[in-house]
């Protein structure tokens, strides 16, 4: 059910109960939306276990892929995703596993945490781009960028024209590239290049 149609009354009607019964368990509509989003996202990662043979690169890819899948699956509920109060320890197991692989590869704890934070940021951004363009939708900025380019002479800003022509931040290919770029940066750090 889409967020604009997900109400306490709609849930009560779906369950065949009095709306006060829903209100007893869920304080308000915003909390209901957060619970739905959290259930979908966390269900994608809470049972994910890394194979013993997976190195830190594979660990990052598995974590990122599962998290992105969960946010995309939550669809229009994704802006409401909040980690639930009280946590979800099973969903955090993979975080510990990825951090262990990163520190085992040679990153200090602080850098491993920063690397995993970067994975999280890239993943959520990519997933939300995908949600934004689900069901054949277009990225809202794409039309604006195209209009700006259309007002120019045909030979002006060829690089910007190429970017707009190939604009697909929601694509699997772009997401894989982003993760590969992050992994290359971590490899550089591990090789002793701090830049």
Protein backbone atom coordinates (compact mmCIF):
# COMPACT_ATOMS: atom_id res chain seq x y z
CA UNK A 1 0.00 0.00 0.00
CA UNK A 2 1.36 3.42 -0.97
CA UNK A 3 2.29 5.78 1.90
CA UNK A 4 -0.47 8.26 1.07
CA UNK A 5 -3.05 5.45 1.41
CA UNK A 6 -1.47 3.80 4.46
CA UNK A 7 -3.48 5.03 7.41
CA UNK A 8 -4.39 3.63 10.78
CA UNK A 9 -7.98 3.16 9.55
CA UNK A 10 -6.81 1.37 6.38
CA UNK A 11 -4.70 -1.04 8.43
CA UNK A 12 -7.58 -1.63 10.85
CA UNK A 13 -9.93 -2.34 7.94
CA UNK A 14 -7.38 -4.71 6.35
CA UNK A 15 -7.01 -6.58 9.65
CA UNK A 16 -10.73 -6.48 10.43
CA UNK A 17 -10.21 -4.80 13.77
CA UNK A 18 -11.27 -1.58 15.43
CA UNK A 19 -8.90 1.36 14.66
CA UNK A 20 -8.27 1.75 18.40
CA UNK A 21 -6.62 -1.68 18.35
CA UNK A 22 -4.08 -0.45 15.82
CA UNK A 23 -3.54 2.74 17.83
CA UNK A 24 -2.84 0.61 20.89
CA UNK A 25 0.19 -0.92 19.15
CA UNK A 26 1.30 1.97 16.93
CA UNK A 27 1.34 5.53 18.21
CA UNK A 28 0.68 7.38 14.95
CA UNK A 29 0.76 7.23 11.17
CA UNK A 30 4.39 8.36 10.93
CA UNK A 31 5.43 5.48 13.19
CA UNK A 32 3.35 3.09 11.08
CA UNK A 33 5.15 4.24 7.91
CA UNK A 34 8.52 3.82 9.63
CA UNK A 35 7.62 0.30 10.79
CA UNK A 36 6.60 -0.76 7.30
CA UNK A 37 9.78 0.61 5.73
CA UNK A 38 11.99 -0.90 8.46
CA UNK A 39 10.35 -4.31 8.10
CA UNK A 40 10.97 -4.42 4.36
CA UNK A 41 14.55 -3.12 4.47
CA UNK A 42 15.71 -5.13 7.47
CA UNK A 43 14.16 -8.35 6.14
CA UNK A 44 16.62 -8.12 3.24
CA UNK A 45 19.72 -7.92 5.42
CA UNK A 46 18.96 -9.59 8.73
CA UNK A 47 19.55 -13.14 7.55
CA UNK A 48 22.46 -12.34 5.24
CA UNK A 49 25.63 -14.18 6.20
CA UNK A 50 28.92 -13.82 4.44
CA UNK A 51 30.65 -16.97 3.26
CA UNK A 52 33.85 -17.65 5.21
CA UNK A 53 35.77 -17.39 1.95
CA UNK A 54 34.47 -13.88 1.15
CA UNK A 55 37.18 -11.23 1.39
CA UNK A 56 36.44 -7.62 2.33
CA UNK A 57 35.63 -6.69 -1.28
CA UNK A 58 33.00 -9.42 -1.55
CA UNK A 59 31.71 -8.50 1.91
CA UNK A 60 31.15 -4.89 0.85
CA UNK A 61 29.41 -5.98 -2.34
CA UNK A 62 27.09 -8.43 -0.55
CA UNK A 63 26.17 -5.89 2.13
CA UNK A 64 25.62 -3.09 -0.40
CA UNK A 65 23.58 -5.27 -2.76
CA UNK A 66 21.29 -6.56 0.00
CA UNK A 67 20.77 -3.13 1.57
CA UNK A 68 20.03 -1.55 -1.82
CA UNK A 69 17.58 -4.35 -2.64
CA UNK A 70 15.76 -3.75 0.64
CA UNK A 71 15.43 -0.01 0.13
CA UNK A 72 14.27 -0.50 -3.47
CA UNK A 73 11.79 -3.15 -2.33
CA UNK A 74 10.37 -0.73 0.23
CA UNK A 75 9.64 1.52 -2.75
CA UNK A 76 7.82 4.70 -1.92
CA UNK A 77 8.17 3.85 1.77
CA UNK A 78 11.97 4.23 1.60
CA UNK A 79 12.03 7.88 2.76
CA UNK A 80 10.41 6.65 5.98
CA UNK A 81 13.10 4.08 6.77
CA UNK A 82 14.49 4.52 10.27
CA UNK A 83 16.36 1.93 12.22
CA UNK A 84 13.80 0.79 14.78
CA UNK A 85 14.09 1.77 18.41
CA UNK A 86 15.58 -1.15 20.29
CA UNK A 87 17.55 -2.07 17.21
CA UNK A 88 17.54 -5.22 15.17
CA UNK A 89 20.61 -7.20 16.25
CA UNK A 90 20.25 -9.80 13.50
CA UNK A 91 20.37 -7.06 10.88
CA UNK A 92 23.54 -5.67 12.44
CA UNK A 93 25.40 -8.98 12.27
CA UNK A 94 26.48 -8.31 8.71
CA UNK A 95 27.82 -4.90 9.76
CA UNK A 96 30.11 -6.62 12.26
CA UNK A 97 31.16 -9.15 9.64
CA UNK A 98 32.05 -6.47 7.07
CA UNK A 99 33.98 -4.47 9.66
CA UNK A 100 35.92 -7.58 10.69
CA UNK A 101 36.88 -8.19 7.04
CA UNK A 102 37.99 -4.59 6.62
CA UNK A 103 40.12 -4.53 9.77
CA UNK A 104 41.44 -7.99 8.92
CA UNK A 105 42.63 -6.58 5.60
CA UNK A 106 44.60 -3.89 7.41
CA UNK A 107 42.37 -0.87 7.91
CA UNK A 108 42.36 0.62 11.38
CA UNK A 109 39.00 0.53 13.15
CA UNK A 110 38.29 4.21 12.41
CA UNK A 111 38.96 3.81 8.68
CA UNK A 112 36.91 0.61 8.52
CA UNK A 113 33.97 2.45 10.09
CA UNK A 114 34.39 5.34 7.64
CA UNK A 115 34.54 2.91 4.73
CA UNK A 116 31.36 1.16 5.84
CA UNK A 117 29.68 4.54 6.32
CA UNK A 118 30.62 5.42 2.73
CA UNK A 119 29.14 2.10 1.54
CA UNK A 120 25.95 2.94 3.42
CA UNK A 121 25.74 6.45 1.94
CA UNK A 122 26.38 5.27 -1.62
CA UNK A 123 23.88 2.44 -1.22
CA UNK A 124 21.05 4.54 0.16
CA UNK A 125 21.58 7.24 -2.46
CA UNK A 126 21.59 4.68 -5.28
CA UNK A 127 18.52 2.92 -3.93
CA UNK A 128 16.57 6.13 -3.56
CA UNK A 129 17.49 7.08 -7.14
CA UNK A 130 16.08 3.71 -8.23
CA UNK A 131 12.90 4.23 -6.21
CA UNK A 132 12.51 7.70 -7.71
CA UNK A 133 12.46 6.26 -11.23
CA UNK A 134 10.52 3.04 -10.57
CA UNK A 135 7.68 2.11 -12.88
CA UNK A 136 9.09 3.97 -15.85
CA UNK A 137 9.45 7.28 -14.07
CA UNK A 138 12.11 9.77 -15.03
CA UNK A 139 14.54 11.44 -12.69
CA UNK A 140 12.99 14.84 -11.87
CA UNK A 141 16.22 16.72 -12.62
CA UNK A 142 16.69 15.11 -16.02
CA UNK A 143 14.01 17.19 -17.75
CA UNK A 144 15.40 20.38 -16.18
CA UNK A 145 18.93 19.57 -17.33
CA UNK A 146 17.67 18.70 -20.82
CA UNK A 147 15.79 22.01 -21.07
CA UNK A 148 18.92 23.91 -20.05
CA UNK A 149 20.97 22.15 -22.74
CA UNK A 150 18.25 22.63 -25.37
CA UNK A 151 18.54 26.40 -24.92
CA UNK A 152 22.20 26.31 -26.00
CA UNK A 153 23.84 26.11 -29.38
CA UNK A 154 24.31 22.49 -30.61
CA UNK A 155 28.09 22.65 -30.21
CA UNK A 156 28.07 24.09 -26.69
CA UNK A 157 28.87 21.95 -23.64
CA UNK A 158 29.47 18.60 -25.34
CA UNK A 159 30.55 16.99 -22.06
CA UNK A 160 27.38 18.04 -20.26
CA UNK A 161 25.33 16.78 -23.22
CA UNK A 162 27.04 13.39 -22.97
CA UNK A 163 26.33 13.18 -19.24
CA UNK A 164 22.66 14.02 -19.76
CA UNK A 165 22.35 11.56 -22.65
CA UNK A 166 23.68 8.74 -20.46
CA UNK A 167 22.14 9.87 -17.16
CA UNK A 168 21.14 6.74 -15.23
CA UNK A 169 22.07 7.12 -11.54
CA UNK A 170 19.46 4.48 -10.69
CA UNK A 171 20.99 1.76 -12.86
CA UNK A 172 22.65 -1.40 -11.61
CA UNK A 173 25.68 -0.52 -13.72
CA UNK A 174 26.12 2.88 -12.06
CA UNK A 175 25.72 1.33 -8.61
CA UNK A 176 28.33 -1.33 -9.38
CA UNK A 177 30.68 1.39 -10.66
CA UNK A 178 30.20 3.43 -7.47
CA UNK A 179 30.99 0.42 -5.29
CA UNK A 180 33.99 -0.50 -7.48
CA UNK A 181 35.28 3.06 -7.14
CA UNK A 182 34.95 2.90 -3.36
CA UNK A 183 36.73 -0.46 -3.27
CA UNK A 184 39.55 0.97 -5.40
CA UNK A 185 39.87 3.81 -2.90
CA UNK A 186 40.10 1.35 0.00
CA UNK A 187 42.68 -0.70 -1.90
CA UNK A 188 44.70 2.49 -2.36
CA UNK A 189 44.54 3.16 1.40
CA UNK A 190 45.60 -0.40 2.15
CA UNK A 191 48.55 0.02 -0.25
CA UNK A 192 49.72 3.00 1.79
CA UNK A 193 48.47 5.86 -0.39
CA UNK A 194 46.62 8.20 2.00
CA UNK A 195 45.35 10.56 -0.71
